[in-house]
């Protein structure tokens, strides 16, 4: 959720640097293989020039660079492209380490090769580490067991429906994991307004555990505890834009005609993009309680202590 902060921009710059190196080196190898052979001082020691082989490796670099460029455009959601783009680069770097460790290559040659061989994969892996530490990785693509363990930790005892999806045929859980980021999309909207609309929509669905999950998500996004608790209590003390956002989420979830007027107020004051994000989360967050209700697993708000 939210616009990238400085750590995310640093991670994107690291990915872009690795991608540009791969594309540049790959183009050089494909366009002028013998010139590339002479330009890299450690390469002639590995044997005579082979234009076909150099071009093959150049195409591998170009493929890695293309995947990294694609992933860098939206690293949080396309992190699998970063993994795929760095796979050959990492294997190539590991081979060089094994080569010098087993005496197949010299230490001096290895030191010369380190920036170009180990630099790009280490940049990408470090960038992925930053995104993971900042919890900016979308769930789609995570191994099933890891995803279920994370979900169980975030909302213990309230994810029976997720385990049912995991056991269902036809890759139901994987498809569900693609749905989750859309329900949490926030870029232009202020955190407080976004989560008030989200909590308002969840309360309208009368699912206490879902409301608490939405409340914890608001706290994780920096929304004040007092404000979250006021929303959970029904929002009677809210005012201004906060009240409008809360009522907008409730109106969207409740099929109320007030959603039109409230949406117009939000759009006029804050812009179309904010209205879209509030409408998107209010509409999609309803999917969780609706699914739980359909499976007979939801609990009404009255049966849950709504406070964080």
C-alpha atoms as a PDB file:
ATOM      1  CA  UNK A   1       0.000   0.000   0.000  1.00  0.00           C
ATOM      2  CA  UNK A   2       1.045   3.580  -0.596  1.00  0.00           C
ATOM      3  CA  UNK A   3       3.641   5.285  -2.715  1.00  0.00           C
ATOM      4  CA  UNK A   4       7.192   3.912  -2.627  1.00  0.00           C
ATOM      5  CA  UNK A   5       9.431   5.343   0.088  1.00  0.00           C
ATOM      6  CA  UNK A   6      13.204   5.886  -0.135  1.00  0.00           C
ATOM      7  CA  UNK A   7      14.116   2.204   0.500  1.00  0.00           C
ATOM      8  CA  UNK A   8      11.848   1.091  -2.346  1.00  0.00           C
ATOM      9  CA  UNK A   9      13.357   3.663  -4.702  1.00  0.00           C
ATOM     10  CA  UNK A  10      16.826   2.419  -3.748  1.00  0.00           C
ATOM     11  CA  UNK A  11      15.735  -1.147  -4.512  1.00  0.00           C
ATOM     12  CA  UNK A  12      14.334  -0.098  -7.905  1.00  0.00           C
ATOM     13  CA  UNK A  13      17.578   1.719  -8.729  1.00  0.00           C
ATOM     14  CA  UNK A  14      19.572  -1.409  -7.885  1.00  0.00           C
ATOM     15  CA  UNK A  15      17.359  -3.541 -10.136  1.00  0.00           C
ATOM     16  CA  UNK A  16      17.551  -0.997 -12.955  1.00  0.00           C
ATOM     17  CA  UNK A  17      21.351  -0.848 -12.708  1.00  0.00           C
ATOM     18  CA  UNK A  18      21.617  -4.633 -12.957  1.00  0.00           C
ATOM     19  CA  UNK A  19      19.138  -4.681 -15.856  1.00  0.00           C
ATOM     20  CA  UNK A  20      20.994  -2.005 -17.823  1.00  0.00           C
ATOM     21  CA  UNK A  21      24.298  -3.819 -17.341  1.00  0.00           C
ATOM     22  CA  UNK A  22      22.757  -7.058 -18.658  1.00  0.00           C
ATOM     23  CA  UNK A  23      21.194  -5.358 -21.674  1.00  0.00           C
ATOM     24  CA  UNK A  24      24.347  -3.399 -22.499  1.00  0.00           C
ATOM     25  CA  UNK A  25      26.662  -6.370 -22.104  1.00  0.00           C
ATOM     26  CA  UNK A  26      24.285  -8.632 -24.023  1.00  0.00           C
ATOM     27  CA  UNK A  27      24.018  -6.225 -26.947  1.00  0.00           C
ATOM     28  CA  UNK A  28      27.798  -5.897 -27.082  1.00  0.00           C
ATOM     29  CA  UNK A  29      28.246  -9.681 -27.123  1.00  0.00           C
ATOM     30  CA  UNK A  30      25.641 -10.209 -29.826  1.00  0.00           C
ATOM     31  CA  UNK A  31      26.603  -7.278 -32.049  1.00  0.00           C
ATOM     32  CA  UNK A  32      30.407  -7.603 -31.810  1.00  0.00           C
ATOM     33  CA  UNK A  33      31.376 -10.921 -30.213  1.00  0.00           C
ATOM     34  CA  UNK A  34      35.062 -10.808 -31.154  1.00  0.00           C
ATOM     35  CA  UNK A  35      35.409  -7.189 -30.001  1.00  0.00           C
ATOM     36  CA  UNK A  36      33.777  -8.142 -26.677  1.00  0.00           C
ATOM     37  CA  UNK A  37      36.201 -11.078 -26.415  1.00  0.00           C
ATOM     38  CA  UNK A  38      39.192  -8.749 -26.729  1.00  0.00           C
ATOM     39  CA  UNK A  39      37.707  -6.044 -24.486  1.00  0.00           C
ATOM     40  CA  UNK A  40      37.270  -8.247 -21.390  1.00  0.00           C
ATOM     41  CA  UNK A  41      40.813  -8.992 -20.180  1.00  0.00           C
ATOM     42  CA  UNK A  42      40.048 -12.260 -18.361  1.00  0.00           C
ATOM     43  CA  UNK A  43      38.112 -13.924 -21.197  1.00  0.00           C
ATOM     44  CA  UNK A  44      41.021 -14.870 -23.529  1.00  0.00           C
ATOM     45  CA  UNK A  45      42.489 -16.978 -20.702  1.00  0.00           C
ATOM     46  CA  UNK A  46      39.463 -19.305 -20.969  1.00  0.00           C
ATOM     47  CA  UNK A  47      40.225 -20.316 -24.565  1.00  0.00           C
ATOM     48  CA  UNK A  48      40.022 -19.077 -28.162  1.00  0.00           C
ATOM     49  CA  UNK A  49      37.153 -16.857 -29.298  1.00  0.00           C
ATOM     50  CA  UNK A  50      33.976 -18.650 -30.345  1.00  0.00           C
ATOM     51  CA  UNK A  51      31.503 -16.250 -32.002  1.00  0.00           C
ATOM     52  CA  UNK A  52      28.589 -18.680 -31.695  1.00  0.00           C
ATOM     53  CA  UNK A  53      29.186 -19.343 -27.998  1.00  0.00           C
ATOM     54  CA  UNK A  54      29.687 -15.638 -27.188  1.00  0.00           C
ATOM     55  CA  UNK A  55      26.441 -14.799 -29.010  1.00  0.00           C
ATOM     56  CA  UNK A  56      24.606 -17.514 -27.056  1.00  0.00           C
ATOM     57  CA  UNK A  57      25.772 -16.016 -23.752  1.00  0.00           C
ATOM     58  CA  UNK A  58      24.886 -12.544 -25.025  1.00  0.00           C
ATOM     59  CA  UNK A  59      21.324 -13.707 -25.664  1.00  0.00           C
ATOM     60  CA  UNK A  60      21.187 -15.063 -22.095  1.00  0.00           C
ATOM     61  CA  UNK A  61      22.238 -11.649 -20.792  1.00  0.00           C
ATOM     62  CA  UNK A  62      19.625  -9.926 -22.963  1.00  0.00           C
ATOM     63  CA  UNK A  63      16.910 -12.274 -21.693  1.00  0.00           C
ATOM     64  CA  UNK A  64      17.881 -11.605 -18.079  1.00  0.00           C
ATOM     65  CA  UNK A  65      17.964  -7.866 -18.714  1.00  0.00           C
ATOM     66  CA  UNK A  66      14.518  -7.890 -20.323  1.00  0.00           C
ATOM     67  CA  UNK A  67      13.000  -9.763 -17.370  1.00  0.00           C
ATOM     68  CA  UNK A  68      14.657  -7.436 -14.879  1.00  0.00           C
ATOM     69  CA  UNK A  69      13.451  -4.343 -16.737  1.00  0.00           C
ATOM     70  CA  UNK A  70       9.933  -5.753 -16.775  1.00  0.00           C
ATOM     71  CA  UNK A  71      10.089  -6.536 -13.053  1.00  0.00           C
ATOM     72  CA  UNK A  72      11.593  -3.171 -12.144  1.00  0.00           C
ATOM     73  CA  UNK A  73       8.542  -1.350 -13.503  1.00  0.00           C
ATOM     74  CA  UNK A  74       6.414  -2.882 -10.711  1.00  0.00           C
ATOM     75  CA  UNK A  75       8.807  -4.804  -8.511  1.00  0.00           C
ATOM     76  CA  UNK A  76       6.283  -5.551  -5.747  1.00  0.00           C
ATOM     77  CA  UNK A  77       3.880  -7.325  -8.085  1.00  0.00           C
ATOM     78  CA  UNK A  78       6.386  -8.691 -10.600  1.00  0.00           C
ATOM     79  CA  UNK A  79       8.919 -10.031  -8.120  1.00  0.00           C
ATOM     80  CA  UNK A  80       8.829 -13.425  -9.838  1.00  0.00           C
ATOM     81  CA  UNK A  81      10.246 -11.737 -12.950  1.00  0.00           C
ATOM     82  CA  UNK A  82      13.122 -10.526 -10.787  1.00  0.00           C
ATOM     83  CA  UNK A  83      13.699 -14.036  -9.467  1.00  0.00           C
ATOM     84  CA  UNK A  84      13.634 -15.463 -12.988  1.00  0.00           C
ATOM     85  CA  UNK A  85      15.809 -12.667 -14.343  1.00  0.00           C
ATOM     86  CA  UNK A  86      18.449 -13.206 -11.690  1.00  0.00           C
ATOM     87  CA  UNK A  87      18.407 -17.020 -11.778  1.00  0.00           C
ATOM     88  CA  UNK A  88      20.957 -17.497 -14.568  1.00  0.00           C
ATOM     89  CA  UNK A  89      23.009 -14.548 -13.303  1.00  0.00           C
ATOM     90  CA  UNK A  90      23.191 -16.122  -9.845  1.00  0.00           C
ATOM     91  CA  UNK A  91      24.094 -19.548 -11.232  1.00  0.00           C
ATOM     92  CA  UNK A  92      26.776 -17.920 -13.385  1.00  0.00           C
ATOM     93  CA  UNK A  93      28.201 -16.133 -10.359  1.00  0.00           C
ATOM     94  CA  UNK A  94      28.152 -19.283  -8.227  1.00  0.00           C
ATOM     95  CA  UNK A  95      29.998 -21.161 -10.967  1.00  0.00           C
ATOM     96  CA  UNK A  96      32.766 -18.571 -10.904  1.00  0.00           C
ATOM     97  CA  UNK A  97      33.034 -18.949  -7.124  1.00  0.00           C
ATOM     98  CA  UNK A  98      33.199 -22.748  -7.448  1.00  0.00           C
ATOM     99  CA  UNK A  99      35.744 -22.406 -10.229  1.00  0.00           C
ATOM    100  CA  UNK A 100      38.199 -20.431  -8.106  1.00  0.00           C
ATOM    101  CA  UNK A 101      37.474 -22.504  -4.978  1.00  0.00           C
ATOM    102  CA  UNK A 102      38.371 -25.732  -6.776  1.00  0.00           C
ATOM    103  CA  UNK A 103      41.461 -24.348  -8.475  1.00  0.00           C
ATOM    104  CA  UNK A 104      39.948 -24.231 -11.971  1.00  0.00           C
ATOM    105  CA  UNK A 105      40.478 -20.469 -12.055  1.00  0.00           C
ATOM    106  CA  UNK A 106      42.952 -18.044 -10.515  1.00  0.00           C
ATOM    107  CA  UNK A 107      42.170 -15.683  -7.657  1.00  0.00           C
ATOM    108  CA  UNK A 108      43.402 -12.674  -9.619  1.00  0.00           C
ATOM    109  CA  UNK A 109      41.107 -13.458 -12.554  1.00  0.00           C
ATOM    110  CA  UNK A 110      38.201 -13.974 -10.147  1.00  0.00           C
ATOM    111  CA  UNK A 111      38.808 -10.583  -8.534  1.00  0.00           C
ATOM    112  CA  UNK A 112      38.749  -8.929 -11.936  1.00  0.00           C
ATOM    113  CA  UNK A 113      35.494 -10.682 -12.845  1.00  0.00           C
ATOM    114  CA  UNK A 114      33.676  -9.988  -9.566  1.00  0.00           C
ATOM    115  CA  UNK A 115      32.017  -6.644 -10.485  1.00  0.00           C
ATOM    116  CA  UNK A 116      30.528  -7.950 -13.735  1.00  0.00           C
ATOM    117  CA  UNK A 117      29.821 -11.516 -12.634  1.00  0.00           C
ATOM    118  CA  UNK A 118      28.656 -11.205  -9.032  1.00  0.00           C
ATOM    119  CA  UNK A 119      27.569  -7.558  -9.057  1.00  0.00           C
ATOM    120  CA  UNK A 120      24.290  -7.849 -11.042  1.00  0.00           C
ATOM    121  CA  UNK A 121      22.799 -10.863  -9.200  1.00  0.00           C
ATOM    122  CA  UNK A 122      23.797  -9.446  -5.807  1.00  0.00           C
ATOM    123  CA  UNK A 123      22.118  -6.142  -6.667  1.00  0.00           C
ATOM    124  CA  UNK A 124      18.867  -7.894  -7.575  1.00  0.00           C
ATOM    125  CA  UNK A 125      18.911 -10.217  -4.558  1.00  0.00           C
ATOM    126  CA  UNK A 126      19.633  -7.296  -2.222  1.00  0.00           C
ATOM    127  CA  UNK A 127      16.761  -5.334  -3.782  1.00  0.00           C
ATOM    128  CA  UNK A 128      14.423  -8.277  -3.249  1.00  0.00           C
ATOM    129  CA  UNK A 129      15.613  -8.433   0.356  1.00  0.00           C
ATOM    130  CA  UNK A 130      14.679  -4.764   0.842  1.00  0.00           C
ATOM    131  CA  UNK A 131      11.211  -5.319  -0.620  1.00  0.00           C
ATOM    132  CA  UNK A 132      10.614  -8.389   1.534  1.00  0.00           C
ATOM    133  CA  UNK A 133      11.809  -6.601   4.683  1.00  0.00           C
ATOM    134  CA  UNK A 134       9.496  -3.701   3.878  1.00  0.00           C
ATOM    135  CA  UNK A 135       6.606  -6.125   3.244  1.00  0.00           C
ATOM    136  CA  UNK A 136       6.185  -4.850  -0.305  1.00  0.00           C
ATOM    137  CA  UNK A 137       5.980  -8.256  -1.988  1.00  0.00           C
ATOM    138  CA  UNK A 138       2.579  -9.240  -3.398  1.00  0.00           C
ATOM    139  CA  UNK A 139       1.432 -12.718  -2.289  1.00  0.00           C
ATOM    140  CA  UNK A 140       0.857 -14.168  -5.762  1.00  0.00           C
ATOM    141  CA  UNK A 141       3.615 -16.641  -6.515  1.00  0.00           C
ATOM    142  CA  UNK A 142       4.545 -17.457  -2.930  1.00  0.00           C
ATOM    143  CA  UNK A 143       4.752 -21.194  -2.173  1.00  0.00           C
ATOM    144  CA  UNK A 144       1.484 -22.451  -0.714  1.00  0.00           C
ATOM    145  CA  UNK A 145       2.925 -23.523   2.642  1.00  0.00           C
ATOM    146  CA  UNK A 146       4.743 -20.238   3.141  1.00  0.00           C
ATOM    147  CA  UNK A 147       1.655 -18.209   2.246  1.00  0.00           C
ATOM    148  CA  UNK A 148      -0.558 -20.186   4.631  1.00  0.00           C
ATOM    149  CA  UNK A 149       1.994 -19.804   7.438  1.00  0.00           C
ATOM    150  CA  UNK A 150       2.064 -16.023   6.918  1.00  0.00           C
ATOM    151  CA  UNK A 151      -1.734 -15.787   6.831  1.00  0.00           C
ATOM    152  CA  UNK A 152      -2.101 -17.890   9.981  1.00  0.00           C
ATOM    153  CA  UNK A 153       0.367 -15.633  11.782  1.00  0.00           C
ATOM    154  CA  UNK A 154      -1.374 -12.433  10.695  1.00  0.00           C
ATOM    155  CA  UNK A 155      -4.886 -13.610  11.592  1.00  0.00           C
ATOM    156  CA  UNK A 156      -4.720 -16.743  13.727  1.00  0.00           C
ATOM    157  CA  UNK A 157      -7.872 -18.818  13.858  1.00  0.00           C
ATOM    158  CA  UNK A 158      -9.705 -16.811  11.214  1.00  0.00           C
ATOM    159  CA  UNK A 159      -8.404 -18.335   8.008  1.00  0.00           C
ATOM    160  CA  UNK A 160     -10.252 -21.601   7.654  1.00  0.00           C
ATOM    161  CA  UNK A 161     -11.587 -20.400   4.317  1.00  0.00           C
ATOM    162  CA  UNK A 162      -8.025 -19.799   3.042  1.00  0.00           C
ATOM    163  CA  UNK A 163      -7.086 -23.375   3.904  1.00  0.00           C
ATOM    164  CA  UNK A 164     -10.201 -24.560   2.071  1.00  0.00           C
ATOM    165  CA  UNK A 165      -9.098 -22.598  -0.978  1.00  0.00           C
ATOM    166  CA  UNK A 166      -5.668 -24.220  -0.697  1.00  0.00           C
ATOM    167  CA  UNK A 167      -7.272 -27.674  -0.717  1.00  0.00           C
ATOM    168  CA  UNK A 168      -9.704 -26.878  -3.540  1.00  0.00           C
ATOM    169  CA  UNK A 169      -8.949 -28.120  -7.076  1.00  0.00           C
ATOM    170  CA  UNK A 170      -8.160 -25.888 -10.024  1.00  0.00           C
ATOM    171  CA  UNK A 171      -5.533 -23.631  -8.363  1.00  0.00           C
ATOM    172  CA  UNK A 172      -8.203 -21.732  -6.388  1.00  0.00           C
ATOM    173  CA  UNK A 173      -5.717 -20.369  -3.851  1.00  0.00           C
ATOM    174  CA  UNK A 174      -3.330 -19.069  -6.505  1.00  0.00           C
ATOM    175  CA  UNK A 175      -6.174 -17.194  -8.183  1.00  0.00           C
ATOM    176  CA  UNK A 176      -7.273 -15.801  -4.811  1.00  0.00           C
ATOM    177  CA  UNK A 177      -3.734 -14.550  -4.149  1.00  0.00           C
ATOM    178  CA  UNK A 178      -3.970 -12.403  -7.284  1.00  0.00           C
ATOM    179  CA  UNK A 179      -7.203 -10.863  -5.947  1.00  0.00           C
ATOM    180  CA  UNK A 180      -5.745  -9.758  -2.600  1.00  0.00           C
ATOM    181  CA  UNK A 181      -3.451  -6.910  -3.796  1.00  0.00           C
ATOM    182  CA  UNK A 182      -6.313  -5.286  -5.733  1.00  0.00           C
ATOM    183  CA  UNK A 183      -8.390  -5.125  -2.555  1.00  0.00           C
ATOM    184  CA  UNK A 184      -5.506  -3.312  -0.827  1.00  0.00           C
ATOM    185  CA  UNK A 185      -4.489  -0.933  -3.625  1.00  0.00           C
ATOM    186  CA  UNK A 186      -3.551   2.491  -2.245  1.00  0.00           C
ATOM    187  CA  UNK A 187      -1.349   4.991  -4.035  1.00  0.00           C
ATOM    188  CA  UNK A 188      -2.960   8.450  -4.073  1.00  0.00           C
ATOM    189  CA  UNK A 189      -5.366   8.134  -1.142  1.00  0.00           C
ATOM    190  CA  UNK A 190      -4.289   9.260   2.354  1.00  0.00           C
ATOM    191  CA  UNK A 191      -3.962   6.272   4.713  1.00  0.00           C
ATOM    192  CA  UNK A 192      -6.648   7.420   7.146  1.00  0.00           C
ATOM    193  CA  UNK A 193      -9.308   7.951   4.480  1.00  0.00           C
ATOM    194  CA  UNK A 194      -8.465   4.718   2.689  1.00  0.00           C
ATOM    195  CA  UNK A 195      -8.760   2.573   5.804  1.00  0.00           C
ATOM    196  CA  UNK A 196     -11.846   4.357   7.097  1.00  0.00           C
ATOM    197  CA  UNK A 197     -13.600   3.526   3.827  1.00  0.00           C
ATOM    198  CA  UNK A 198     -12.332  -0.038   4.104  1.00  0.00           C
ATOM    199  CA  UNK A 199     -13.500  -0.474   7.705  1.00  0.00           C
ATOM    200  CA  UNK A 200     -16.836   1.151   6.903  1.00  0.00           C
ATOM    201  CA  UNK A 201     -17.418  -1.340   4.085  1.00  0.00           C
ATOM    202  CA  UNK A 202     -16.384  -4.282   6.263  1.00  0.00           C
ATOM    203  CA  UNK A 203     -18.697  -3.257   9.100  1.00  0.00           C
ATOM    204  CA  UNK A 204     -21.548  -3.010   6.609  1.00  0.00           C
ATOM    205  CA  UNK A 205     -20.969  -6.696   5.846  1.00  0.00           C
ATOM    206  CA  UNK A 206     -21.378  -7.494   9.587  1.00  0.00           C
ATOM    207  CA  UNK A 207     -18.284  -9.671   9.919  1.00  0.00           C
ATOM    208  CA  UNK A 208     -16.457  -8.961  13.164  1.00  0.00           C
ATOM    209  CA  UNK A 209     -13.254 -10.908  12.437  1.00  0.00           C
ATOM    210  CA  UNK A 210     -13.016  -9.259   9.000  1.00  0.00           C
ATOM    211  CA  UNK A 211     -13.412  -5.835  10.623  1.00  0.00           C
ATOM    212  CA  UNK A 212     -10.570  -6.633  13.013  1.00  0.00           C
ATOM    213  CA  UNK A 213      -8.319  -7.730  10.147  1.00  0.00           C
ATOM    214  CA  UNK A 214      -9.110  -4.441   8.365  1.00  0.00           C
ATOM    215  CA  UNK A 215      -8.380  -2.565  11.606  1.00  0.00           C
ATOM    216  CA  UNK A 216      -5.006  -4.253  12.044  1.00  0.00           C
ATOM    217  CA  UNK A 217      -4.181  -3.430   8.430  1.00  0.00           C
ATOM    218  CA  UNK A 218      -4.937   0.227   9.180  1.00  0.00           C
ATOM    219  CA  UNK A 219      -2.618   0.196  12.178  1.00  0.00           C
ATOM    220  CA  UNK A 220       0.139  -1.432  10.096  1.00  0.00           C
ATOM    221  CA  UNK A 221      -0.297   1.415   7.586  1.00  0.00           C
ATOM    222  CA  UNK A 222       0.225   4.048  10.277  1.00  0.00           C
ATOM    223  CA  UNK A 223      -3.366   5.035  11.091  1.00  0.00           C
ATOM    224  CA  UNK A 224      -3.771   6.201  14.707  1.00  0.00           C
ATOM    225  CA  UNK A 225      -5.169   3.653  17.140  1.00  0.00           C
ATOM    226  CA  UNK A 226      -7.827   6.094  18.445  1.00  0.00           C
ATOM    227  CA  UNK A 227      -9.075   6.743  14.916  1.00  0.00           C
ATOM    228  CA  UNK A 228      -9.260   3.027  14.117  1.00  0.00           C
ATOM    229  CA  UNK A 229     -11.197   2.329  17.315  1.00  0.00           C
ATOM    230  CA  UNK A 230     -13.593   5.181  16.568  1.00  0.00           C
ATOM    231  CA  UNK A 231     -14.298   3.644  13.173  1.00  0.00           C
ATOM    232  CA  UNK A 232     -14.832   0.217  14.744  1.00  0.00           C
ATOM    233  CA  UNK A 233     -17.298   1.831  17.159  1.00  0.00           C
ATOM    234  CA  UNK A 234     -19.408   3.097  14.261  1.00  0.00           C
ATOM    235  CA  UNK A 235     -17.703   6.372  13.396  1.00  0.00           C
ATOM    236  CA  UNK A 236     -20.111   8.628  15.286  1.00  0.00           C
ATOM    237  CA  UNK A 237     -17.342  11.037  16.351  1.00  0.00           C
ATOM    238  CA  UNK A 238     -15.748  11.280  12.901  1.00  0.00           C
ATOM    239  CA  UNK A 239     -15.940  14.562  11.003  1.00  0.00           C
ATOM    240  CA  UNK A 240     -14.921  16.149   7.717  1.00  0.00           C
ATOM    241  CA  UNK A 241     -13.194  14.024   5.090  1.00  0.00           C
ATOM    242  CA  UNK A 242     -12.782  11.160   7.536  1.00  0.00           C
ATOM    243  CA  UNK A 243     -16.524  10.912   8.079  1.00  0.00           C
ATOM    244  CA  UNK A 244     -17.130  11.183   4.325  1.00  0.00           C
ATOM    245  CA  UNK A 245     -14.688   8.347   3.587  1.00  0.00           C
ATOM    246  CA  UNK A 246     -16.174   6.114   6.298  1.00  0.00           C
ATOM    247  CA  UNK A 247     -19.747   6.716   5.097  1.00  0.00           C
ATOM    248  CA  UNK A 248     -18.670   6.249   1.475  1.00  0.00           C
ATOM    249  CA  UNK A 249     -17.260   2.801   2.224  1.00  0.00           C
ATOM    250  CA  UNK A 250     -20.403   1.874   4.117  1.00  0.00           C
ATOM    251  CA  UNK A 251     -22.632   3.172   1.324  1.00  0.00           C
ATOM    252  CA  UNK A 252     -20.718   1.262  -1.368  1.00  0.00           C
ATOM    253  CA  UNK A 253     -20.994  -1.965   0.604  1.00  0.00           C
ATOM    254  CA  UNK A 254     -24.621  -1.341   1.499  1.00  0.00           C
ATOM    255  CA  UNK A 255     -25.801  -0.558  -2.056  1.00  0.00           C
ATOM    256  CA  UNK A 256     -26.888   2.877  -0.831  1.00  0.00           C
ATOM    257  CA  UNK A 257     -27.705   5.697  -3.210  1.00  0.00           C
ATOM    258  CA  UNK A 258     -25.647   7.956  -0.925  1.00  0.00           C
ATOM    259  CA  UNK A 259     -22.536   6.458  -2.485  1.00  0.00           C
ATOM    260  CA  UNK A 260     -23.028   8.657  -5.561  1.00  0.00           C
ATOM    261  CA  UNK A 261     -23.171  11.943  -3.627  1.00  0.00           C
ATOM    262  CA  UNK A 262     -20.391  10.964  -1.218  1.00  0.00           C
ATOM    263  CA  UNK A 263     -18.207   9.875  -4.112  1.00  0.00           C
ATOM    264  CA  UNK A 264     -18.725  13.224  -5.825  1.00  0.00           C
ATOM    265  CA  UNK A 265     -17.635  15.051  -2.668  1.00  0.00           C
ATOM    266  CA  UNK A 266     -14.481  12.938  -2.444  1.00  0.00           C
ATOM    267  CA  UNK A 267     -13.691  13.440  -6.127  1.00  0.00           C
ATOM    268  CA  UNK A 268     -14.164  17.216  -6.015  1.00  0.00           C
ATOM    269  CA  UNK A 269     -11.983  17.645  -2.921  1.00  0.00           C
ATOM    270  CA  UNK A 270      -9.352  14.953  -3.413  1.00  0.00           C
ATOM    271  CA  UNK A 271      -9.472  13.908  -7.060  1.00  0.00           C
ATOM    272  CA  UNK A 272     -10.706  11.038  -9.181  1.00  0.00           C
ATOM    273  CA  UNK A 273      -7.788   8.768  -8.272  1.00  0.00           C
ATOM    274  CA  UNK A 274      -8.633   8.921  -4.555  1.00  0.00           C
ATOM    275  CA  UNK A 275     -12.283   8.193  -5.270  1.00  0.00           C
ATOM    276  CA  UNK A 276     -11.245   5.194  -7.371  1.00  0.00           C
ATOM    277  CA  UNK A 277      -9.007   3.767  -4.638  1.00  0.00           C
ATOM    278  CA  UNK A 278     -11.646   4.184  -1.932  1.00  0.00           C
ATOM    279  CA  UNK A 279     -14.297   2.663  -4.191  1.00  0.00           C
ATOM    280  CA  UNK A 280     -12.013  -0.221  -5.155  1.00  0.00           C
ATOM    281  CA  UNK A 281     -11.196  -1.238  -1.594  1.00  0.00           C
ATOM    282  CA  UNK A 282     -14.781  -0.752  -0.409  1.00  0.00           C
ATOM    283  CA  UNK A 283     -16.058  -2.962  -3.223  1.00  0.00           C
ATOM    284  CA  UNK A 284     -13.427  -5.694  -3.061  1.00  0.00           C
ATOM    285  CA  UNK A 285     -12.979  -5.975   0.713  1.00  0.00           C
ATOM    286  CA  UNK A 286     -16.533  -7.282   0.771  1.00  0.00           C
ATOM    287  CA  UNK A 287     -15.293 -10.421  -0.942  1.00  0.00           C
ATOM    288  CA  UNK A 288     -13.723 -11.740   2.253  1.00  0.00           C
ATOM    289  CA  UNK A 289     -16.820 -11.687   4.510  1.00  0.00           C
ATOM    290  CA  UNK A 290     -19.015 -12.757   1.607  1.00  0.00           C
ATOM    291  CA  UNK A 291     -16.835 -15.807   1.003  1.00  0.00           C
ATOM    292  CA  UNK A 292     -16.722 -16.655   4.702  1.00  0.00           C
ATOM    293  CA  UNK A 293     -20.486 -16.264   4.924  1.00  0.00           C
ATOM    294  CA  UNK A 294     -20.970 -18.538   1.955  1.00  0.00           C
ATOM    295  CA  UNK A 295     -18.839 -21.192   3.627  1.00  0.00           C
ATOM    296  CA  UNK A 296     -20.607 -20.772   6.959  1.00  0.00           C
ATOM    297  CA  UNK A 297     -17.512 -19.374   8.699  1.00  0.00           C
ATOM    298  CA  UNK A 298     -18.330 -15.710   9.396  1.00  0.00           C
ATOM    299  CA  UNK A 299     -19.133 -14.241  12.799  1.00  0.00           C
ATOM    300  CA  UNK A 300     -21.319 -11.132  13.250  1.00  0.00           C
ATOM    301  CA  UNK A 301     -19.747  -7.951  14.596  1.00  0.00           C
ATOM    302  CA  UNK A 302     -21.766  -8.281  17.797  1.00  0.00           C
ATOM    303  CA  UNK A 303     -19.934 -11.537  18.562  1.00  0.00           C
ATOM    304  CA  UNK A 304     -16.482  -9.951  18.273  1.00  0.00           C
ATOM    305  CA  UNK A 305     -14.751  -7.380  20.482  1.00  0.00           C
ATOM    306  CA  UNK A 306     -14.057  -4.593  18.007  1.00  0.00           C
ATOM    307  CA  UNK A 307     -11.071  -2.758  19.445  1.00  0.00           C
ATOM    308  CA  UNK A 308      -7.340  -2.636  18.678  1.00  0.00           C
END
